[in-house]
Amino acid sequence: MDGIQKKLLEEVAGLHDVPQGAYSLRINGSLHGKNSSENIEIVGKTDKAGIDIYIKPGTKNESLHIPVILSQSGLRELVYNDFHIGEDCDVTIVAGCGIHNGGNETSEHSGVHSFFVGKNARIKYVEKHYGQGDGNGENIMNPTTYVELDENAYMEMETAQIKGVDSTYRKTTAKVSKNATLIVNEKLMTHGKQIADTEFSVELLGENSGTHVVSRAVARDESKQRFLSKIEGKNKCSGHTECDAIIMDNATVAAIPEILAVDPDASLIHEAAIGKIAGEQLVKLMTLGLTEKEAEEEIINGFLR
C-alpha cells in the first residue's frame, strides 16, 4: 500500500497496516488480501464481486475487518458481502470505505451487506465512510444493509460519514424476531453541495422485539439531507426512532419519521428535531476565549461525538 491508501485505511478502520486475524482488504476494485481464522471463514464469491463470511457458533471476543479503499479516479464498483453468523456468537465487525479522488472522473463504491444473525448472538458492526481528493471528480458511496435477527439476537450498528462524500444513498432494512434487538447510531455531516439520503425500514416481527434508531446530522453550506425512518410493529414490541439535526448556512434537511403499529401491544415512538446552533451556546464558549468559528466547531464535534 502507498501512503494515500494507508491514510484511507486509518480513517475508515483505525488500522495502520494489514490487520491480524480475520480480514478482507479490497483496494481499487480488486481483492488485495484476505485471511480466515479458526472460527471465521472468508470465501470469495464466484458469480459477482464480494465475499461470504461464515462465523462459527459460539465464537466469542473476535473481530473481523473488511475495509474498502479506492485511490484510482474514475473507478466504479458494486460489491456484495454476506455474513452468516452462528448462534451464541459475540463478535465485532469493522467495515468502511475510503475514497481518494485526485482526478476529474467520478469514483463510486456501492456495497450491499447482508447479515443473517443466529439465535442468542451479539454483533457490533462499525461502518465509516470517508472521502478526500485534490481533483474535481466526485466521491459517491451507496451502502445498502439487510439484517435478519433470529430469536434473542442483538446487533448494534455504528455508521459515520463526516467528510468528503459528494453523494450518498444509505439504505438499511431489518427484520427482528422474538426477544431480538437492533440498535442503530448514525452520524452524518455534509458540506458544500453534497447530498445525503438515508432510509431505515425495520419490521418488529417477534414478541418482545425492539429497535432504537438514532441519527445525528449536521448540514452546512448548500448541502441537502433527507432522513426517512420507518418502524413497523407487528407483535408485542418496542421501537424508537429519533433524528436530531443542526442546520447551518443555506443547507436543507428533511426528517421523515414513520411508525406503523398493527398489533395493540406495539409501543412505538418517533422524534425529530432540526435547528440551528443556539446563540447562548456560542456566547458561552466565546467568553472562554474561543472565536465564533472555533465555538461552532466545538459544538458540532460534541454533537457528533
C-alpha atoms as a PDB file:
ATOM      1  CA  MET A   1       0.000   0.000   0.000  1.00  0.00           C
ATOM      2  CA  ASP A   2       1.142   3.541  -0.701  1.00  0.00           C
ATOM      3  CA  GLY A   3       0.840   6.496   1.677  1.00  0.00           C
ATOM      4  CA  ILE A   4      -2.588   7.600   0.426  1.00  0.00           C
ATOM      5  CA  GLN A   5      -4.030   4.113   0.793  1.00  0.00           C
ATOM      6  CA  LYS A   6      -2.621   3.755   4.310  1.00  0.00           C
ATOM      7  CA  LYS A   7      -4.174   7.116   5.255  1.00  0.00           C
ATOM      8  CA  LEU A   8      -7.581   5.978   3.987  1.00  0.00           C
ATOM      9  CA  LEU A   9      -7.251   2.673   5.845  1.00  0.00           C
ATOM     10  CA  GLU A  10      -6.540   4.503   9.076  1.00  0.00           C
ATOM     11  CA  GLU A  11      -9.521   6.835   8.605  1.00  0.00           C
ATOM     12  CA  VAL A  12     -12.130   4.126   7.947  1.00  0.00           C
ATOM     13  CA  ALA A  13     -10.838   1.199  10.011  1.00  0.00           C
ATOM     14  CA  GLY A  14      -8.362   2.608  12.528  1.00  0.00           C
ATOM     15  CA  LEU A  15      -5.607   0.432  11.041  1.00  0.00           C
ATOM     16  CA  HIS A  16      -2.059   1.349  10.048  1.00  0.00           C
ATOM     17  CA  ASP A  17      -1.441  -1.791   8.024  1.00  0.00           C
ATOM     18  CA  VAL A  18      -2.946  -5.176   7.198  1.00  0.00           C
ATOM     19  CA  PRO A  19      -4.696  -6.372  10.392  1.00  0.00           C
ATOM     20  CA  GLN A  20      -4.101  -9.546  12.341  1.00  0.00           C
ATOM     21  CA  GLY A  21      -6.756 -12.255  12.430  1.00  0.00           C
ATOM     22  CA  ALA A  22      -9.664 -12.499  10.021  1.00  0.00           C
ATOM     23  CA  TYR A  23      -9.798  -9.778   7.375  1.00  0.00           C
ATOM     24  CA  SER A  24     -10.612  -8.933   3.785  1.00  0.00           C
ATOM     25  CA  LEU A  25      -8.990  -5.852   2.237  1.00  0.00           C
ATOM     26  CA  ARG A  26     -10.215  -4.561  -1.119  1.00  0.00           C
ATOM     27  CA  ILE A  27      -8.182  -1.915  -2.986  1.00  0.00           C
ATOM     28  CA  ASN A  28      -9.113  -0.290  -6.319  1.00  0.00           C
ATOM     29  CA  GLY A  29     -11.693  -2.861  -7.353  1.00  0.00           C
ATOM     30  CA  SER A  30      -9.664  -5.984  -6.518  1.00  0.00           C
ATOM     31  CA  LEU A  31      -9.140  -8.189  -3.501  1.00  0.00           C
ATOM     32  CA  HIS A  32      -5.811  -7.070  -2.039  1.00  0.00           C
ATOM     33  CA  GLY A  33      -5.725  -9.806   0.569  1.00  0.00           C
ATOM     34  CA  LYS A  34      -7.839 -11.913   2.912  1.00  0.00           C
ATOM     35  CA  ASN A  35      -7.282 -14.212   5.838  1.00  0.00           C
ATOM     36  CA  SER A  36      -9.577 -16.603   7.655  1.00  0.00           C
ATOM     37  CA  SER A  37      -9.198 -17.582  11.297  1.00  0.00           C
ATOM     38  CA  GLU A  38     -10.100 -20.759  13.119  1.00  0.00           C
ATOM     39  CA  ASN A  39     -13.645 -19.515  13.737  1.00  0.00           C
ATOM     40  CA  ILE A  40     -14.197 -17.032  10.899  1.00  0.00           C
ATOM     41  CA  GLU A  41     -14.070 -18.244   7.302  1.00  0.00           C
ATOM     42  CA  ILE A  42     -13.959 -15.808   4.376  1.00  0.00           C
ATOM     43  CA  VAL A  43     -14.822 -17.150   0.913  1.00  0.00           C
ATOM     44  CA  GLY A  44     -14.666 -15.122  -2.296  1.00  0.00           C
ATOM     45  CA  LYS A  45     -17.805 -15.113  -4.421  1.00  0.00           C
ATOM     46  CA  THR A  46     -17.546 -16.698  -7.857  1.00  0.00           C
ATOM     47  CA  ASP A  47     -20.606 -15.153  -9.533  1.00  0.00           C
ATOM     48  CA  LYS A  48     -20.060 -11.491  -8.564  1.00  0.00           C
ATOM     49  CA  ALA A  49     -17.729  -9.221  -6.648  1.00  0.00           C
ATOM     50  CA  GLY A  50     -17.736  -9.778  -2.909  1.00  0.00           C
ATOM     51  CA  ILE A  51     -17.262 -12.330  -0.140  1.00  0.00           C
ATOM     52  CA  ASP A  52     -19.209 -14.735   2.058  1.00  0.00           C
ATOM     53  CA  ILE A  53     -18.308 -14.734   5.757  1.00  0.00           C
ATOM     54  CA  TYR A  54     -19.119 -17.700   7.991  1.00  0.00           C
ATOM     55  CA  ILE A  55     -18.721 -17.266  11.751  1.00  0.00           C
ATOM     56  CA  LYS A  56     -18.883 -20.495  13.739  1.00  0.00           C
ATOM     57  CA  PRO A  57     -21.459 -20.861  16.535  1.00  0.00           C
ATOM     58  CA  GLY A  58     -20.050 -19.946  19.931  1.00  0.00           C
ATOM     59  CA  THR A  59     -17.315 -17.625  18.602  1.00  0.00           C
ATOM     60  CA  LYS A  60     -16.520 -15.054  21.306  1.00  0.00           C
ATOM     61  CA  ASN A  61     -14.402 -11.909  21.560  1.00  0.00           C
ATOM     62  CA  GLU A  62     -13.163 -11.974  17.968  1.00  0.00           C
ATOM     63  CA  SER A  63     -13.113  -9.263  15.333  1.00  0.00           C
ATOM     64  CA  LEU A  64     -13.305  -9.084  11.557  1.00  0.00           C
ATOM     65  CA  HIS A  65     -12.047  -6.219   9.373  1.00  0.00           C
ATOM     66  CA  ILE A  66     -13.375  -5.720   5.826  1.00  0.00           C
ATOM     67  CA  PRO A  67     -12.345  -2.214   4.635  1.00  0.00           C
ATOM     68  CA  VAL A  68     -12.503  -0.970   1.034  1.00  0.00           C
ATOM     69  CA  ILE A  69     -10.053   1.573  -0.405  1.00  0.00           C
ATOM     70  CA  LEU A  70     -10.342   3.460  -3.722  1.00  0.00           C
ATOM     71  CA  SER A  71      -7.460   5.690  -4.795  1.00  0.00           C
ATOM     72  CA  GLN A  72      -7.911   5.422  -8.564  1.00  0.00           C
ATOM     73  CA  SER A  73     -10.052   8.179 -10.067  1.00  0.00           C
ATOM     74  CA  GLY A  74     -12.994   7.042 -12.191  1.00  0.00           C
ATOM     75  CA  LEU A  75     -13.340   3.601 -10.632  1.00  0.00           C
ATOM     76  CA  ARG A  76     -16.909   2.410 -10.001  1.00  0.00           C
ATOM     77  CA  GLU A  77     -17.762  -0.846  -8.260  1.00  0.00           C
ATOM     78  CA  LEU A  78     -20.638  -2.814  -6.740  1.00  0.00           C
ATOM     79  CA  VAL A  79     -19.710  -5.367  -4.065  1.00  0.00           C
ATOM     80  CA  TYR A  80     -21.833  -7.956  -2.214  1.00  0.00           C
ATOM     81  CA  ASN A  81     -20.818  -9.215   1.241  1.00  0.00           C
ATOM     82  CA  ASP A  82     -22.944 -11.809   3.086  1.00  0.00           C
ATOM     83  CA  PHE A  83     -22.429 -12.523   6.796  1.00  0.00           C
ATOM     84  CA  HIS A  84     -23.639 -15.853   8.209  1.00  0.00           C
ATOM     85  CA  ILE A  85     -23.297 -15.546  11.977  1.00  0.00           C
ATOM     86  CA  GLY A  86     -23.787 -18.654  14.097  1.00  0.00           C
ATOM     87  CA  GLU A  87     -25.660 -18.991  17.363  1.00  0.00           C
ATOM     88  CA  ASP A  88     -24.201 -17.690  20.641  1.00  0.00           C
ATOM     89  CA  CYS A  89     -21.523 -15.553  18.968  1.00  0.00           C
ATOM     90  CA  ASP A  90     -20.106 -12.290  20.308  1.00  0.00           C
ATOM     91  CA  VAL A  91     -18.044 -10.560  17.596  1.00  0.00           C
ATOM     92  CA  THR A  92     -17.145  -7.122  16.253  1.00  0.00           C
ATOM     93  CA  ILE A  93     -17.132  -6.365  12.522  1.00  0.00           C
ATOM     94  CA  VAL A  94     -15.312  -3.265  11.235  1.00  0.00           C
ATOM     95  CA  ALA A  95     -16.149  -2.206   7.686  1.00  0.00           C
ATOM     96  CA  GLY A  96     -15.993   1.101   5.854  1.00  0.00           C
ATOM     97  CA  CYS A  97     -14.884   2.704   2.614  1.00  0.00           C
ATOM     98  CA  GLY A  98     -12.332   5.408   1.925  1.00  0.00           C
ATOM     99  CA  ILE A  99     -12.004   7.180  -1.431  1.00  0.00           C
ATOM    100  CA  HIS A 100      -9.199   9.455  -2.621  1.00  0.00           C
ATOM    101  CA  ASN A 101     -10.097  11.062  -5.930  1.00  0.00           C
ATOM    102  CA  GLY A 102      -7.326  13.107  -7.441  1.00  0.00           C
ATOM    103  CA  GLY A 103      -8.791  13.247 -10.957  1.00  0.00           C
ATOM    104  CA  ASN A 104     -11.758  14.640 -12.850  1.00  0.00           C
ATOM    105  CA  GLU A 105     -13.834  11.476 -13.091  1.00  0.00           C
ATOM    106  CA  THR A 106     -16.400  10.163 -10.602  1.00  0.00           C
ATOM    107  CA  SER A 107     -15.303   7.452  -8.170  1.00  0.00           C
ATOM    108  CA  GLU A 108     -18.034   5.271  -6.676  1.00  0.00           C
ATOM    109  CA  HIS A 109     -18.325   2.377  -4.241  1.00  0.00           C
ATOM    110  CA  SER A 110     -21.676   0.695  -3.666  1.00  0.00           C
ATOM    111  CA  GLY A 111     -21.701  -2.084  -1.083  1.00  0.00           C
ATOM    112  CA  VAL A 112     -24.530  -4.484  -0.266  1.00  0.00           C
ATOM    113  CA  HIS A 113     -24.074  -6.131   3.138  1.00  0.00           C
ATOM    114  CA  SER A 114     -26.495  -8.851   4.285  1.00  0.00           C
ATOM    115  CA  PHE A 115     -26.431 -10.115   7.879  1.00  0.00           C
ATOM    116  CA  PHE A 116     -28.047 -13.379   8.972  1.00  0.00           C
ATOM    117  CA  VAL A 117     -27.618 -13.446  12.744  1.00  0.00           C
ATOM    118  CA  GLY A 118     -28.278 -16.661  14.655  1.00  0.00           C
ATOM    119  CA  LYS A 119     -30.046 -17.178  17.994  1.00  0.00           C
ATOM    120  CA  ASN A 120     -28.513 -15.531  21.062  1.00  0.00           C
ATOM    121  CA  ALA A 121     -25.709 -13.945  19.003  1.00  0.00           C
ATOM    122  CA  ARG A 122     -24.358 -10.444  19.698  1.00  0.00           C
ATOM    123  CA  ILE A 123     -22.867  -8.366  16.887  1.00  0.00           C
ATOM    124  CA  LYS A 124     -21.272  -4.927  16.858  1.00  0.00           C
ATOM    125  CA  TYR A 125     -20.951  -3.541  13.327  1.00  0.00           C
ATOM    126  CA  VAL A 126     -18.919  -0.373  12.682  1.00  0.00           C
ATOM    127  CA  GLU A 127     -19.009   1.287   9.255  1.00  0.00           C
ATOM    128  CA  LYS A 128     -17.226   4.540   8.388  1.00  0.00           C
ATOM    129  CA  HIS A 129     -17.205   6.406   5.085  1.00  0.00           C
ATOM    130  CA  TYR A 130     -14.569   8.992   4.236  1.00  0.00           C
ATOM    131  CA  GLY A 131     -13.623  10.915   1.111  1.00  0.00           C
ATOM    132  CA  GLN A 132     -10.777  13.184   0.075  1.00  0.00           C
ATOM    133  CA  GLY A 133      -9.030  14.343  -3.076  1.00  0.00           C
ATOM    134  CA  ASP A 134      -7.362  17.208  -4.861  1.00  0.00           C
ATOM    135  CA  GLY A 135      -9.198  16.850  -8.184  1.00  0.00           C
ATOM    136  CA  ASN A 136     -12.631  17.806  -9.494  1.00  0.00           C
ATOM    137  CA  GLY A 137     -14.068  14.297  -9.567  1.00  0.00           C
ATOM    138  CA  GLU A 138     -16.917  13.321  -7.247  1.00  0.00           C
ATOM    139  CA  ASN A 139     -16.846  10.713  -4.485  1.00  0.00           C
ATOM    140  CA  ILE A 140     -20.016   8.600  -4.297  1.00  0.00           C
ATOM    141  CA  MET A 141     -20.817   5.937  -1.704  1.00  0.00           C
ATOM    142  CA  ASN A 142     -24.081   3.972  -1.598  1.00  0.00           C
ATOM    143  CA  PRO A 143     -24.236   1.458   1.269  1.00  0.00           C
ATOM    144  CA  THR A 144     -27.135  -0.996   1.441  1.00  0.00           C
ATOM    145  CA  THR A 145     -27.577  -3.130   4.570  1.00  0.00           C
ATOM    146  CA  TYR A 146     -30.004  -6.017   5.098  1.00  0.00           C
ATOM    147  CA  VAL A 147     -30.397  -7.591   8.549  1.00  0.00           C
ATOM    148  CA  GLU A 148     -32.219 -10.669   9.823  1.00  0.00           C
ATOM    149  CA  LEU A 149     -32.043 -11.170  13.596  1.00  0.00           C
ATOM    150  CA  ASP A 150     -33.035 -14.575  14.924  1.00  0.00           C
ATOM    151  CA  GLU A 151     -34.539 -15.156  18.364  1.00  0.00           C
ATOM    152  CA  ASN A 152     -32.785 -13.309  21.207  1.00  0.00           C
ATOM    153  CA  ALA A 153     -30.104 -11.898  18.885  1.00  0.00           C
ATOM    154  CA  TYR A 154     -28.632  -8.414  19.379  1.00  0.00           C
ATOM    155  CA  MET A 155     -26.986  -6.165  16.788  1.00  0.00           C
ATOM    156  CA  GLU A 156     -25.533  -2.704  17.270  1.00  0.00           C
ATOM    157  CA  MET A 157     -24.696  -0.651  14.185  1.00  0.00           C
ATOM    158  CA  GLU A 158     -22.476   2.439  14.295  1.00  0.00           C
ATOM    159  CA  THR A 159     -22.321   4.274  10.976  1.00  0.00           C
ATOM    160  CA  ALA A 160     -20.454   7.510  10.308  1.00  0.00           C
ATOM    161  CA  GLN A 161     -19.901   9.784   7.326  1.00  0.00           C
ATOM    162  CA  ILE A 162     -18.193  13.001   8.321  1.00  0.00           C
ATOM    163  CA  LYS A 163     -16.149  14.242   5.374  1.00  0.00           C
ATOM    164  CA  GLY A 164     -15.601  14.213   1.635  1.00  0.00           C
ATOM    165  CA  VAL A 165     -18.587  12.281   0.233  1.00  0.00           C
ATOM    166  CA  ASP A 166     -20.382  14.205  -2.511  1.00  0.00           C
ATOM    167  CA  SER A 167     -23.414  11.940  -2.830  1.00  0.00           C
ATOM    168  CA  THR A 168     -24.719   9.035  -0.781  1.00  0.00           C
ATOM    169  CA  TYR A 169     -27.841   6.895  -0.633  1.00  0.00           C
ATOM    170  CA  ARG A 170     -27.830   4.856   2.586  1.00  0.00           C
ATOM    171  CA  LYS A 171     -30.486   2.160   2.882  1.00  0.00           C
ATOM    172  CA  THR A 172     -30.984  -0.254   5.797  1.00  0.00           C
ATOM    173  CA  THR A 173     -33.718  -2.896   6.013  1.00  0.00           C
ATOM    174  CA  ALA A 174     -34.162  -5.180   9.020  1.00  0.00           C
ATOM    175  CA  LYS A 175     -36.395  -7.995  10.280  1.00  0.00           C
ATOM    176  CA  VAL A 176     -36.321  -8.547  14.053  1.00  0.00           C
ATOM    177  CA  SER A 177     -37.504 -11.780  15.679  1.00  0.00           C
ATOM    178  CA  LYS A 178     -38.684 -12.690  19.190  1.00  0.00           C
ATOM    179  CA  ASN A 179     -36.687 -11.060  22.007  1.00  0.00           C
ATOM    180  CA  ALA A 180     -34.168  -9.685  19.482  1.00  0.00           C
ATOM    181  CA  THR A 181     -32.902  -6.085  19.408  1.00  0.00           C
ATOM    182  CA  LEU A 182     -31.444  -3.803  16.735  1.00  0.00           C
ATOM    183  CA  ILE A 183     -29.633  -0.604  17.769  1.00  0.00           C
ATOM    184  CA  VAL A 184     -28.570   1.936  15.117  1.00  0.00           C
ATOM    185  CA  ASN A 185     -26.498   5.076  15.701  1.00  0.00           C
ATOM    186  CA  GLU A 186     -25.828   7.195  12.612  1.00  0.00           C
ATOM    187  CA  LYS A 187     -23.535  10.238  12.472  1.00  0.00           C
ATOM    188  CA  LEU A 188     -23.525  12.346   9.339  1.00  0.00           C
ATOM    189  CA  MET A 189     -22.108  15.681   8.187  1.00  0.00           C
ATOM    190  CA  THR A 190     -22.465  17.299   4.778  1.00  0.00           C
ATOM    191  CA  HIS A 191     -20.988  20.493   3.364  1.00  0.00           C
ATOM    192  CA  GLY A 192     -20.597  22.263   0.035  1.00  0.00           C
ATOM    193  CA  LYS A 193     -23.228  20.941  -2.357  1.00  0.00           C
ATOM    194  CA  GLN A 194     -23.186  17.391  -1.016  1.00  0.00           C
ATOM    195  CA  ILE A 195     -26.347  15.261  -0.950  1.00  0.00           C
ATOM    196  CA  ALA A 196     -27.120  12.591   1.661  1.00  0.00           C
ATOM    197  CA  ASP A 197     -30.215  10.389   1.556  1.00  0.00           C
ATOM    198  CA  THR A 198     -30.817   7.925   4.411  1.00  0.00           C
ATOM    199  CA  GLU A 199     -33.594   5.338   4.694  1.00  0.00           C
ATOM    200  CA  PHE A 200     -34.249   2.909   7.546  1.00  0.00           C
ATOM    201  CA  SER A 201     -37.014   0.313   7.484  1.00  0.00           C
ATOM    202  CA  VAL A 202     -37.376  -2.037  10.468  1.00  0.00           C
ATOM    203  CA  GLU A 203     -40.014  -4.743  10.932  1.00  0.00           C
ATOM    204  CA  LEU A 204     -40.535  -5.855  14.524  1.00  0.00           C
ATOM    205  CA  LEU A 205     -41.927  -9.330  13.916  1.00  0.00           C
ATOM    206  CA  GLY A 206     -41.431 -11.258  17.137  1.00  0.00           C
ATOM    207  CA  GLU A 207     -42.812 -10.910  20.635  1.00  0.00           C
ATOM    208  CA  ASN A 208     -40.720  -8.518  22.756  1.00  0.00           C
ATOM    209  CA  SER A 209     -38.611  -7.496  19.765  1.00  0.00           C
ATOM    210  CA  GLY A 210     -37.176  -3.986  19.804  1.00  0.00           C
ATOM    211  CA  THR A 211     -35.252  -1.318  17.930  1.00  0.00           C
ATOM    212  CA  HIS A 212     -33.682   2.057  18.647  1.00  0.00           C
ATOM    213  CA  VAL A 213     -32.693   4.116  15.585  1.00  0.00           C
ATOM    214  CA  VAL A 214     -30.915   7.435  16.163  1.00  0.00           C
ATOM    215  CA  SER A 215     -29.455   9.816  13.579  1.00  0.00           C
ATOM    216  CA  ARG A 216     -27.368  12.857  14.441  1.00  0.00           C
ATOM    217  CA  ALA A 217     -26.566  15.079  11.493  1.00  0.00           C
ATOM    218  CA  VAL A 218     -25.022  18.425  10.616  1.00  0.00           C
ATOM    219  CA  ALA A 219     -25.797  20.127   7.283  1.00  0.00           C
ATOM    220  CA  ARG A 220     -23.590  23.042   6.208  1.00  0.00           C
ATOM    221  CA  ASP A 221     -23.212  25.383   3.218  1.00  0.00           C
ATOM    222  CA  GLU A 222     -25.671  24.395   0.441  1.00  0.00           C
ATOM    223  CA  SER A 223     -25.808  20.666   1.203  1.00  0.00           C
ATOM    224  CA  LYS A 224     -29.022  18.655   1.310  1.00  0.00           C
ATOM    225  CA  GLN A 225     -30.056  15.834   3.635  1.00  0.00           C
ATOM    226  CA  ARG A 226     -33.104  13.575   3.838  1.00  0.00           C
ATOM    227  CA  PHE A 227     -33.713  11.127   6.669  1.00  0.00           C
ATOM    228  CA  LEU A 228     -36.563   8.604   6.422  1.00  0.00           C
ATOM    229  CA  SER A 229     -37.078   6.115   9.242  1.00  0.00           C
ATOM    230  CA  LYS A 230     -39.920   3.602   9.239  1.00  0.00           C
ATOM    231  CA  ILE A 231     -40.706   1.162  12.041  1.00  0.00           C
ATOM    232  CA  GLU A 232     -43.489  -1.419  11.802  1.00  0.00           C
ATOM    233  CA  GLY A 233     -44.671  -3.114  14.988  1.00  0.00           C
ATOM    234  CA  LYS A 234     -46.257  -6.456  14.087  1.00  0.00           C
ATOM    235  CA  ASN A 235     -46.224  -8.012  17.563  1.00  0.00           C
ATOM    236  CA  LYS A 236     -45.802  -7.010  21.183  1.00  0.00           C
ATOM    237  CA  CYS A 237     -42.691  -4.879  20.735  1.00  0.00           C
ATOM    238  CA  SER A 238     -40.976  -1.550  21.381  1.00  0.00           C
ATOM    239  CA  GLY A 239     -39.500   0.802  18.810  1.00  0.00           C
ATOM    240  CA  HIS A 240     -37.996   4.271  18.887  1.00  0.00           C
ATOM    241  CA  THR A 241     -36.680   6.417  16.035  1.00  0.00           C
ATOM    242  CA  GLU A 242     -35.043   9.806  16.511  1.00  0.00           C
ATOM    243  CA  CYS A 243     -33.468  12.364  14.178  1.00  0.00           C
ATOM    244  CA  ASP A 244     -31.557  15.360  15.549  1.00  0.00           C
ATOM    245  CA  ALA A 245     -30.024  17.746  13.030  1.00  0.00           C
ATOM    246  CA  ILE A 246     -28.116  21.028  13.120  1.00  0.00           C
ATOM    247  CA  ILE A 247     -28.730  23.170  10.040  1.00  0.00           C
ATOM    248  CA  MET A 248     -26.329  25.932   9.004  1.00  0.00           C
ATOM    249  CA  ASP A 249     -25.824  28.433   6.190  1.00  0.00           C
ATOM    250  CA  ASN A 250     -28.132  27.623   3.213  1.00  0.00           C
ATOM    251  CA  ALA A 251     -28.454  23.883   3.802  1.00  0.00           C
ATOM    252  CA  THR A 252     -31.728  21.928   3.791  1.00  0.00           C
ATOM    253  CA  VAL A 253     -32.747  18.981   5.983  1.00  0.00           C
ATOM    254  CA  ALA A 254     -35.844  16.789   5.764  1.00  0.00           C
ATOM    255  CA  ALA A 255     -36.663  14.387   8.613  1.00  0.00           C
ATOM    256  CA  ILE A 256     -39.483  11.911   7.960  1.00  0.00           C
ATOM    257  CA  PRO A 257     -40.126   9.545  10.873  1.00  0.00           C
ATOM    258  CA  GLU A 258     -42.860   6.953  10.281  1.00  0.00           C
ATOM    259  CA  ILE A 259     -44.280   4.403  12.723  1.00  0.00           C
ATOM    260  CA  LEU A 260     -46.925   1.792  11.978  1.00  0.00           C
ATOM    261  CA  ALA A 261     -48.493  -0.401  14.658  1.00  0.00           C
ATOM    262  CA  VAL A 262     -50.518  -3.415  13.535  1.00  0.00           C
ATOM    263  CA  ASP A 263     -50.606  -5.036  16.987  1.00  0.00           C
ATOM    264  CA  PRO A 264     -52.300  -3.457  20.033  1.00  0.00           C
ATOM    265  CA  ASP A 265     -49.265  -4.258  22.184  1.00  0.00           C
ATOM    266  CA  ALA A 266     -46.811  -2.482  19.927  1.00  0.00           C
ATOM    267  CA  SER A 267     -45.203   0.544  21.618  1.00  0.00           C
ATOM    268  CA  LEU A 268     -43.627   2.914  19.090  1.00  0.00           C
ATOM    269  CA  ILE A 269     -42.161   6.415  19.438  1.00  0.00           C
ATOM    270  CA  HIS A 270     -40.777   8.838  16.863  1.00  0.00           C
ATOM    271  CA  GLU A 271     -38.933  12.127  17.398  1.00  0.00           C
ATOM    272  CA  ALA A 272     -37.404  14.672  15.042  1.00  0.00           C
ATOM    273  CA  ALA A 273     -35.702  17.991  15.758  1.00  0.00           C
ATOM    274  CA  ILE A 274     -33.965  20.352  13.334  1.00  0.00           C
ATOM    275  CA  GLY A 275     -32.469  23.665  14.356  1.00  0.00           C
ATOM    276  CA  LYS A 276     -29.503  25.984  14.308  1.00  0.00           C
ATOM    277  CA  ILE A 277     -26.800  26.282  16.933  1.00  0.00           C
ATOM    278  CA  ALA A 278     -28.177  28.192  19.905  1.00  0.00           C
ATOM    279  CA  GLY A 279     -26.745  31.677  20.326  1.00  0.00           C
ATOM    280  CA  GLU A 280     -26.227  31.237  24.061  1.00  0.00           C
ATOM    281  CA  GLN A 281     -24.026  28.194  23.398  1.00  0.00           C
ATOM    282  CA  LEU A 282     -21.780  30.265  21.145  1.00  0.00           C
ATOM    283  CA  VAL A 283     -21.634  33.150  23.612  1.00  0.00           C
ATOM    284  CA  LYS A 284     -20.727  30.833  26.494  1.00  0.00           C
ATOM    285  CA  LEU A 285     -17.801  29.300  24.610  1.00  0.00           C
ATOM    286  CA  MET A 286     -16.635  32.660  23.252  1.00  0.00           C
ATOM    287  CA  THR A 287     -16.440  34.030  26.792  1.00  0.00           C
ATOM    288  CA  LEU A 288     -13.921  31.231  27.434  1.00  0.00           C
ATOM    289  CA  GLY A 289     -11.665  32.628  24.714  1.00  0.00           C
ATOM    290  CA  LEU A 290     -12.814  30.801  21.586  1.00  0.00           C
ATOM    291  CA  THR A 291     -13.542  32.597  18.326  1.00  0.00           C
ATOM    292  CA  GLU A 292     -17.041  32.199  16.866  1.00  0.00           C
ATOM    293  CA  LYS A 293     -15.749  29.672  14.306  1.00  0.00           C
ATOM    294  CA  GLU A 294     -13.884  27.707  16.983  1.00  0.00           C
ATOM    295  CA  ALA A 295     -17.000  27.700  19.167  1.00  0.00           C
ATOM    296  CA  GLU A 296     -19.101  26.387  16.266  1.00  0.00           C
ATOM    297  CA  GLU A 297     -16.644  23.570  15.611  1.00  0.00           C
ATOM    298  CA  GLU A 298     -16.549  22.638  19.310  1.00  0.00           C
ATOM    299  CA  ILE A 299     -20.354  22.420  19.452  1.00  0.00           C
ATOM    300  CA  ILE A 300     -20.523  20.338  16.260  1.00  0.00           C
ATOM    301  CA  ASN A 301     -17.822  17.947  17.437  1.00  0.00           C
ATOM    302  CA  GLY A 302     -19.632  17.453  20.722  1.00  0.00           C
ATOM    303  CA  PHE A 303     -22.942  16.917  18.929  1.00  0.00           C
ATOM    304  CA  LEU A 304     -21.490  14.223  16.659  1.00  0.00           C
ATOM    305  CA  ARG A 305     -19.383  12.536  19.355  1.00  0.00           C
END
